[in-house]
Amino acid sequence: MTVEIIAELCSNPAAYDWDFDLFCAFAADAGATHVKVQLWRADIIYPEHMREAKRAWEFPRERLSEFVEAAHVYDMKA
């Protein structure tokens, strides 16, 4: 039997300027075989008065390939 462990990064890398390498290293050290992120939009899931503050925590979609490459460096799927 193969066990796969998926690490959910959520918006945590935002606090570290979206350092994907750092968070993929953390996930790999914890034994993860996969990493994932949530692709939500502040304009969709938060009330209007919260949206501006939450936008900084949205995954930067233009950097998705960078995230995937970082995962692959650590032999994980993204």
PDB file of N, CA and C in Angstrom:
ATOM      1  N   MET A   1       0.845  -1.174   0.000  1.00  0.00           N
ATOM      2  CA  MET A   1       0.000   0.000   0.000  1.00  0.00           C
ATOM      3  C   MET A   1       0.897   1.245   0.000  1.00  0.00           C
ATOM      4  N   THR A   2       0.543   2.215  -0.815  1.00  0.00           N
ATOM      5  CA  THR A   2       1.264   3.474  -0.883  1.00  0.00           C
ATOM      6  C   THR A   2       0.499   4.527  -0.090  1.00  0.00           C
ATOM      7  N   VAL A   3       1.213   5.252   0.749  1.00  0.00           N
ATOM      8  CA  VAL A   3       0.598   6.326   1.520  1.00  0.00           C
ATOM      9  C   VAL A   3       1.029   7.651   0.909  1.00  0.00           C
ATOM     10  N   GLU A   4       0.057   8.486   0.619  1.00  0.00           N
ATOM     11  CA  GLU A   4       0.335   9.807   0.096  1.00  0.00           C
ATOM     12  C   GLU A   4      -0.116  10.840   1.118  1.00  0.00           C
ATOM     13  N   ILE A   5       0.719  11.828   1.341  1.00  0.00           N
ATOM     14  CA  ILE A   5       0.409  12.882   2.308  1.00  0.00           C
ATOM     15  C   ILE A   5       0.395  14.209   1.561  1.00  0.00           C
ATOM     16  N   ILE A   6      -0.740  14.890   1.638  1.00  0.00           N
ATOM     17  CA  ILE A   6      -0.893  16.161   0.947  1.00  0.00           C
ATOM     18  C   ILE A   6      -0.821  17.298   1.962  1.00  0.00           C
ATOM     19  N   ALA A   7       0.141  18.181   1.785  1.00  0.00           N
ATOM     20  CA  ALA A   7       0.276  19.349   2.649  1.00  0.00           C
ATOM     21  C   ALA A   7      -0.502  20.511   2.041  1.00  0.00           C
ATOM     22  N   GLU A   8      -1.387  21.087   2.814  1.00  0.00           N
ATOM     23  CA  GLU A   8      -2.177  22.255   2.392  1.00  0.00           C
ATOM     24  C   GLU A   8      -1.465  23.503   2.893  1.00  0.00           C
ATOM     25  N   LEU A   9      -0.970  24.313   1.965  1.00  0.00           N
ATOM     26  CA  LEU A   9      -0.224  25.502   2.369  1.00  0.00           C
ATOM     27  C   LEU A   9      -1.117  26.700   2.672  1.00  0.00           C
ATOM     28  N   CYS A  10      -2.365  26.655   2.262  1.00  0.00           N
ATOM     29  CA  CYS A  10      -3.284  27.789   2.467  1.00  0.00           C
ATOM     30  C   CYS A  10      -2.605  29.084   2.058  1.00  0.00           C
ATOM     31  N   SER A  11      -2.728  30.108   2.891  1.00  0.00           N
ATOM     32  CA  SER A  11      -2.104  31.394   2.594  1.00  0.00           C
ATOM     33  C   SER A  11      -0.873  31.636   3.455  1.00  0.00           C
ATOM     34  N   ASN A  12      -0.419  30.637   4.181  1.00  0.00           N
ATOM     35  CA  ASN A  12       0.719  30.813   5.075  1.00  0.00           C
ATOM     36  C   ASN A  12       1.955  31.387   4.390  1.00  0.00           C
ATOM     37  N   PRO A  13       2.300  30.979   3.164  1.00  0.00           N
ATOM     38  CA  PRO A  13       3.501  31.559   2.543  1.00  0.00           C
ATOM     39  C   PRO A  13       3.416  33.068   2.323  1.00  0.00           C
ATOM     40  N   ALA A  14       2.227  33.632   2.347  1.00  0.00           N
ATOM     41  CA  ALA A  14       2.097  35.083   2.168  1.00  0.00           C
ATOM     42  C   ALA A  14       2.841  35.829   3.264  1.00  0.00           C
ATOM     43  N   ALA A  15       2.869  35.266   4.446  1.00  0.00           N
ATOM     44  CA  ALA A  15       3.559  35.909   5.568  1.00  0.00           C
ATOM     45  C   ALA A  15       5.071  35.919   5.361  1.00  0.00           C
ATOM     46  N   TYR A  16       5.550  35.109   4.437  1.00  0.00           N
ATOM     47  CA  TYR A  16       6.983  35.017   4.137  1.00  0.00           C
ATOM     48  C   TYR A  16       7.250  35.444   2.693  1.00  0.00           C
ATOM     49  N   ASP A  17       6.494  36.416   2.210  1.00  0.00           N
ATOM     50  CA  ASP A  17       6.638  36.935   0.854  1.00  0.00           C
ATOM     51  C   ASP A  17       6.519  35.838  -0.203  1.00  0.00           C
ATOM     52  N   TRP A  18       5.619  34.908   0.041  1.00  0.00           N
ATOM     53  CA  TRP A  18       5.333  33.819  -0.891  1.00  0.00           C
ATOM     54  C   TRP A  18       6.598  33.030  -1.242  1.00  0.00           C
ATOM     55  N   ASP A  19       7.348  32.649  -0.218  1.00  0.00           N
ATOM     56  CA  ASP A  19       8.570  31.860  -0.396  1.00  0.00           C
ATOM     57  C   ASP A  19       8.187  30.393  -0.576  1.00  0.00           C
ATOM     58  N   PHE A  20       7.919  29.999  -1.810  1.00  0.00           N
ATOM     59  CA  PHE A  20       7.459  28.640  -2.096  1.00  0.00           C
ATOM     60  C   PHE A  20       8.506  27.598  -1.755  1.00  0.00           C
ATOM     61  N   ASP A  21       9.770  27.914  -1.990  1.00  0.00           N
ATOM     62  CA  ASP A  21      10.829  26.961  -1.683  1.00  0.00           C
ATOM     63  C   ASP A  21      10.832  26.630  -0.195  1.00  0.00           C
ATOM     64  N   LEU A  22      10.725  27.644   0.648  1.00  0.00           N
ATOM     65  CA  LEU A  22      10.708  27.438   2.093  1.00  0.00           C
ATOM     66  C   LEU A  22       9.558  26.520   2.512  1.00  0.00           C
ATOM     67  N   PHE A  23       8.366  26.802   2.018  1.00  0.00           N
ATOM     68  CA  PHE A  23       7.214  26.019   2.435  1.00  0.00           C
ATOM     69  C   PHE A  23       7.201  24.618   1.833  1.00  0.00           C
ATOM     70  N   CYS A  24       7.730  24.466   0.637  1.00  0.00           N
ATOM     71  CA  CYS A  24       7.857  23.118   0.073  1.00  0.00           C
ATOM     72  C   CYS A  24       8.892  22.323   0.865  1.00  0.00           C
ATOM     73  N   ALA A  25       9.950  22.978   1.306  1.00  0.00           N
ATOM     74  CA  ALA A  25      10.948  22.302   2.146  1.00  0.00           C
ATOM     75  C   ALA A  25      10.307  21.853   3.454  1.00  0.00           C
ATOM     76  N   PHE A  26       9.492  22.712   4.078  1.00  0.00           N
ATOM     77  CA  PHE A  26       8.789  22.334   5.310  1.00  0.00           C
ATOM     78  C   PHE A  26       7.903  21.114   5.072  1.00  0.00           C
ATOM     79  N   ALA A  27       7.159  21.147   3.979  1.00  0.00           N
ATOM     80  CA  ALA A  27       6.242  20.046   3.666  1.00  0.00           C
ATOM     81  C   ALA A  27       7.007  18.753   3.434  1.00  0.00           C
ATOM     82  N   ALA A  28       8.087  18.827   2.683  1.00  0.00           N
ATOM     83  CA  ALA A  28       8.889  17.632   2.409  1.00  0.00           C
ATOM     84  C   ALA A  28       9.497  17.087   3.702  1.00  0.00           C
ATOM     85  N   ASP A  29       9.994  17.972   4.548  1.00  0.00           N
ATOM     86  CA  ASP A  29      10.566  17.537   5.831  1.00  0.00           C
ATOM     87  C   ASP A  29       9.530  16.845   6.709  1.00  0.00           C
ATOM     88  N   ALA A  30       8.273  17.227   6.551  1.00  0.00           N
ATOM     89  CA  ALA A  30       7.192  16.616   7.328  1.00  0.00           C
ATOM     90  C   ALA A  30       6.709  15.304   6.706  1.00  0.00           C
ATOM     91  N   GLY A  31       7.258  14.950   5.547  1.00  0.00           N
ATOM     92  CA  GLY A  31       6.894  13.692   4.913  1.00  0.00           C
ATOM     93  C   GLY A  31       5.839  13.794   3.832  1.00  0.00           C
ATOM     94  N   ALA A  32       5.496  15.004   3.434  1.00  0.00           N
ATOM     95  CA  ALA A  32       4.468  15.163   2.399  1.00  0.00           C
ATOM     96  C   ALA A  32       4.956  14.643   1.050  1.00  0.00           C
ATOM     97  N   THR A  33       4.034  14.083   0.303  1.00  0.00           N
ATOM     98  CA  THR A  33       4.309  13.630  -1.062  1.00  0.00           C
ATOM     99  C   THR A  33       3.709  14.590  -2.088  1.00  0.00           C
ATOM    100  N   HIS A  34       2.819  15.462  -1.608  1.00  0.00           N
ATOM    101  CA  HIS A  34       2.131  16.436  -2.457  1.00  0.00           C
ATOM    102  C   HIS A  34       1.983  17.740  -1.666  1.00  0.00           C
ATOM    103  N   VAL A  35       1.870  18.849  -2.392  1.00  0.00           N
ATOM    104  CA  VAL A  35       1.521  20.128  -1.772  1.00  0.00           C
ATOM    105  C   VAL A  35       0.403  20.763  -2.582  1.00  0.00           C
ATOM    106  N   LYS A  36      -0.455  21.525  -1.906  1.00  0.00           N
ATOM    107  CA  LYS A  36      -1.538  22.210  -2.603  1.00  0.00           C
ATOM    108  C   LYS A  36      -1.781  23.569  -1.972  1.00  0.00           C
ATOM    109  N   VAL A  37      -2.424  24.411  -2.730  1.00  0.00           N
ATOM    110  CA  VAL A  37      -2.811  25.732  -2.256  1.00  0.00           C
ATOM    111  C   VAL A  37      -4.281  25.944  -2.570  1.00  0.00           C
ATOM    112  N   GLN A  38      -4.867  26.925  -1.915  1.00  0.00           N
ATOM    113  CA  GLN A  38      -6.252  27.274  -2.194  1.00  0.00           C
ATOM    114  C   GLN A  38      -6.268  28.488  -3.114  1.00  0.00           C
ATOM    115  N   LEU A  39      -7.036  28.400  -4.166  1.00  0.00           N
ATOM    116  CA  LEU A  39      -7.131  29.503  -5.130  1.00  0.00           C
ATOM    117  C   LEU A  39      -8.462  30.234  -4.958  1.00  0.00           C
ATOM    118  N   TRP A  40      -8.584  30.938  -3.851  1.00  0.00           N
ATOM    119  CA  TRP A  40      -9.793  31.712  -3.589  1.00  0.00           C
ATOM    120  C   TRP A  40      -9.572  33.167  -3.972  1.00  0.00           C
ATOM    121  N   ARG A  41     -10.664  33.883  -4.102  1.00  0.00           N
ATOM    122  CA  ARG A  41     -10.622  35.319  -4.408  1.00  0.00           C
ATOM    123  C   ARG A  41     -11.350  36.064  -3.287  1.00  0.00           C
ATOM    124  N   ALA A  42     -10.701  37.086  -2.750  1.00  0.00           N
ATOM    125  CA  ALA A  42     -11.297  37.875  -1.674  1.00  0.00           C
ATOM    126  C   ALA A  42     -12.651  38.452  -2.088  1.00  0.00           C
ATOM    127  N   ASP A  43     -12.758  38.860  -3.349  1.00  0.00           N
ATOM    128  CA  ASP A  43     -14.003  39.463  -3.830  1.00  0.00           C
ATOM    129  C   ASP A  43     -15.171  38.490  -3.828  1.00  0.00           C
ATOM    130  N   ILE A  44     -14.886  37.214  -3.776  1.00  0.00           N
ATOM    131  CA  ILE A  44     -15.947  36.211  -3.843  1.00  0.00           C
ATOM    132  C   ILE A  44     -16.336  35.704  -2.453  1.00  0.00           C
ATOM    133  N   ILE A  45     -15.351  35.491  -1.581  1.00  0.00           N
ATOM    134  CA  ILE A  45     -15.681  34.808  -0.324  1.00  0.00           C
ATOM    135  C   ILE A  45     -15.754  35.703   0.910  1.00  0.00           C
ATOM    136  N   TYR A  46     -15.326  36.950   0.812  1.00  0.00           N
ATOM    137  CA  TYR A  46     -15.353  37.828   1.977  1.00  0.00           C
ATOM    138  C   TYR A  46     -16.337  38.969   1.788  1.00  0.00           C
ATOM    139  N   PRO A  47     -16.923  39.442   2.893  1.00  0.00           N
ATOM    140  CA  PRO A  47     -17.789  40.621   2.806  1.00  0.00           C
ATOM    141  C   PRO A  47     -16.977  41.828   2.329  1.00  0.00           C
ATOM    142  N   GLU A  48     -17.639  42.759   1.734  1.00  0.00           N
ATOM    143  CA  GLU A  48     -16.961  43.897   1.114  1.00  0.00           C
ATOM    144  C   GLU A  48     -16.008  44.622   2.061  1.00  0.00           C
ATOM    145  N   HIS A  49     -16.376  44.781   3.310  1.00  0.00           N
ATOM    146  CA  HIS A  49     -15.531  45.535   4.248  1.00  0.00           C
ATOM    147  C   HIS A  49     -14.232  44.801   4.610  1.00  0.00           C
ATOM    148  N   MET A  50     -14.100  43.520   4.265  1.00  0.00           N
ATOM    149  CA  MET A  50     -12.904  42.740   4.578  1.00  0.00           C
ATOM    150  C   MET A  50     -12.007  42.504   3.362  1.00  0.00           C
ATOM    151  N   ARG A  51     -12.497  42.758   2.190  1.00  0.00           N
ATOM    152  CA  ARG A  51     -11.820  42.351   0.958  1.00  0.00           C
ATOM    153  C   ARG A  51     -10.438  42.948   0.763  1.00  0.00           C
ATOM    154  N   GLU A  52     -10.299  44.227   0.997  1.00  0.00           N
ATOM    155  CA  GLU A  52      -9.005  44.869   0.752  1.00  0.00           C
ATOM    156  C   GLU A  52      -7.910  44.243   1.617  1.00  0.00           C
ATOM    157  N   ALA A  53      -8.188  43.999   2.866  1.00  0.00           N
ATOM    158  CA  ALA A  53      -7.200  43.389   3.773  1.00  0.00           C
ATOM    159  C   ALA A  53      -6.880  41.957   3.371  1.00  0.00           C
ATOM    160  N   LYS A  54      -7.840  41.236   2.842  1.00  0.00           N
ATOM    161  CA  LYS A  54      -7.649  39.824   2.492  1.00  0.00           C
ATOM    162  C   LYS A  54      -6.942  39.620   1.154  1.00  0.00           C
ATOM    163  N   ARG A  55      -6.936  40.601   0.280  1.00  0.00           N
ATOM    164  CA  ARG A  55      -6.309  40.439  -1.039  1.00  0.00           C
ATOM    165  C   ARG A  55      -4.830  40.082  -0.945  1.00  0.00           C
ATOM    166  N   ALA A  56      -4.154  40.581   0.069  1.00  0.00           N
ATOM    167  CA  ALA A  56      -2.726  40.268   0.237  1.00  0.00           C
ATOM    168  C   ALA A  56      -2.493  38.782   0.486  1.00  0.00           C
ATOM    169  N   TRP A  57      -3.535  38.078   0.905  1.00  0.00           N
ATOM    170  CA  TRP A  57      -3.422  36.649   1.223  1.00  0.00           C
ATOM    171  C   TRP A  57      -3.870  35.751   0.073  1.00  0.00           C
ATOM    172  N   GLU A  58      -4.300  36.326  -1.039  1.00  0.00           N
ATOM    173  CA  GLU A  58      -4.668  35.533  -2.220  1.00  0.00           C
ATOM    174  C   GLU A  58      -3.402  34.949  -2.849  1.00  0.00           C
ATOM    175  N   PHE A  59      -3.481  33.715  -3.242  1.00  0.00           N
ATOM    176  CA  PHE A  59      -2.339  33.096  -3.906  1.00  0.00           C
ATOM    177  C   PHE A  59      -2.041  33.859  -5.196  1.00  0.00           C
ATOM    178  N   PRO A  60      -0.770  34.223  -5.436  1.00  0.00           N
ATOM    179  CA  PRO A  60      -0.428  34.956  -6.660  1.00  0.00           C
ATOM    180  C   PRO A  60      -0.432  34.026  -7.872  1.00  0.00           C
ATOM    181  N   ARG A  61      -1.540  33.979  -8.555  1.00  0.00           N
ATOM    182  CA  ARG A  61      -1.718  33.025  -9.659  1.00  0.00           C
ATOM    183  C   ARG A  61      -0.640  33.141 -10.729  1.00  0.00           C
ATOM    184  N   GLU A  62      -0.090  34.338 -10.910  1.00  0.00           N
ATOM    185  CA  GLU A  62       0.952  34.505 -11.916  1.00  0.00           C
ATOM    186  C   GLU A  62       2.242  33.782 -11.515  1.00  0.00           C
ATOM    187  N   ARG A  63       2.320  33.309 -10.277  1.00  0.00           N
ATOM    188  CA  ARG A  63       3.498  32.588  -9.797  1.00  0.00           C
ATOM    189  C   ARG A  63       3.227  31.095  -9.605  1.00  0.00           C
ATOM    190  N   LEU A  64       2.139  30.595 -10.167  1.00  0.00           N
ATOM    191  CA  LEU A  64       1.785  29.190 -10.000  1.00  0.00           C
ATOM    192  C   LEU A  64       2.888  28.259 -10.492  1.00  0.00           C
ATOM    193  N   SER A  65       3.488  28.561 -11.634  1.00  0.00           N
ATOM    194  CA  SER A  65       4.538  27.682 -12.161  1.00  0.00           C
ATOM    195  C   SER A  65       5.744  27.651 -11.220  1.00  0.00           C
ATOM    196  N   GLU A  66       6.023  28.759 -10.557  1.00  0.00           N
ATOM    197  CA  GLU A  66       7.120  28.801  -9.579  1.00  0.00           C
ATOM    198  C   GLU A  66       6.828  27.877  -8.395  1.00  0.00           C
ATOM    199  N   PHE A  67       5.577  27.871  -7.952  1.00  0.00           N
ATOM    200  CA  PHE A  67       5.159  26.978  -6.868  1.00  0.00           C
ATOM    201  C   PHE A  67       5.322  25.515  -7.287  1.00  0.00           C
ATOM    202  N   VAL A  68       4.863  25.189  -8.479  1.00  0.00           N
ATOM    203  CA  VAL A  68       4.962  23.812  -8.977  1.00  0.00           C
ATOM    204  C   VAL A  68       6.424  23.384  -9.095  1.00  0.00           C
ATOM    205  N   GLU A  69       7.256  24.258  -9.616  1.00  0.00           N
ATOM    206  CA  GLU A  69       8.688  23.936  -9.732  1.00  0.00           C
ATOM    207  C   GLU A  69       9.320  23.702  -8.367  1.00  0.00           C
ATOM    208  N   ALA A  70       8.958  24.515  -7.380  1.00  0.00           N
ATOM    209  CA  ALA A  70       9.494  24.327  -6.025  1.00  0.00           C
ATOM    210  C   ALA A  70       9.077  22.972  -5.464  1.00  0.00           C
ATOM    211  N   ALA A  71       7.845  22.580  -5.705  1.00  0.00           N
ATOM    212  CA  ALA A  71       7.380  21.267  -5.241  1.00  0.00           C
ATOM    213  C   ALA A  71       8.198  20.154  -5.890  1.00  0.00           C
ATOM    214  N   HIS A  72       8.444  20.273  -7.170  1.00  0.00           N
ATOM    215  CA  HIS A  72       9.185  19.234  -7.896  1.00  0.00           C
ATOM    216  C   HIS A  72      10.630  19.136  -7.423  1.00  0.00           C
ATOM    217  N   VAL A  73      11.231  20.240  -6.999  1.00  0.00           N
ATOM    218  CA  VAL A  73      12.593  20.202  -6.457  1.00  0.00           C
ATOM    219  C   VAL A  73      12.658  19.242  -5.275  1.00  0.00           C
ATOM    220  N   TYR A  74      11.575  19.170  -4.505  1.00  0.00           N
ATOM    221  CA  TYR A  74      11.511  18.306  -3.336  1.00  0.00           C
ATOM    222  C   TYR A  74      10.797  16.985  -3.624  1.00  0.00           C
ATOM    223  N   ASP A  75      10.706  16.625  -4.888  1.00  0.00           N
ATOM    224  CA  ASP A  75      10.093  15.366  -5.320  1.00  0.00           C
ATOM    225  C   ASP A  75       8.643  15.214  -4.864  1.00  0.00           C
ATOM    226  N   MET A  76       7.921  16.338  -4.869  1.00  0.00           N
ATOM    227  CA  MET A  76       6.501  16.299  -4.522  1.00  0.00           C
ATOM    228  C   MET A  76       5.678  16.708  -5.735  1.00  0.00           C
ATOM    229  N   LYS A  77       4.458  16.241  -5.751  1.00  0.00           N
ATOM    230  CA  LYS A  77       3.505  16.686  -6.768  1.00  0.00           C
ATOM    231  C   LYS A  77       2.790  17.924  -6.231  1.00  0.00           C
ATOM    232  N   ALA A  78       2.364  18.767  -7.153  1.00  0.00           N
ATOM    233  CA  ALA A  78       1.644  19.988  -6.749  1.00  0.00           C
ATOM    234  C   ALA A  78       0.305  20.045  -7.443  1.00  0.00           C
TER     235      ALA A  78
END
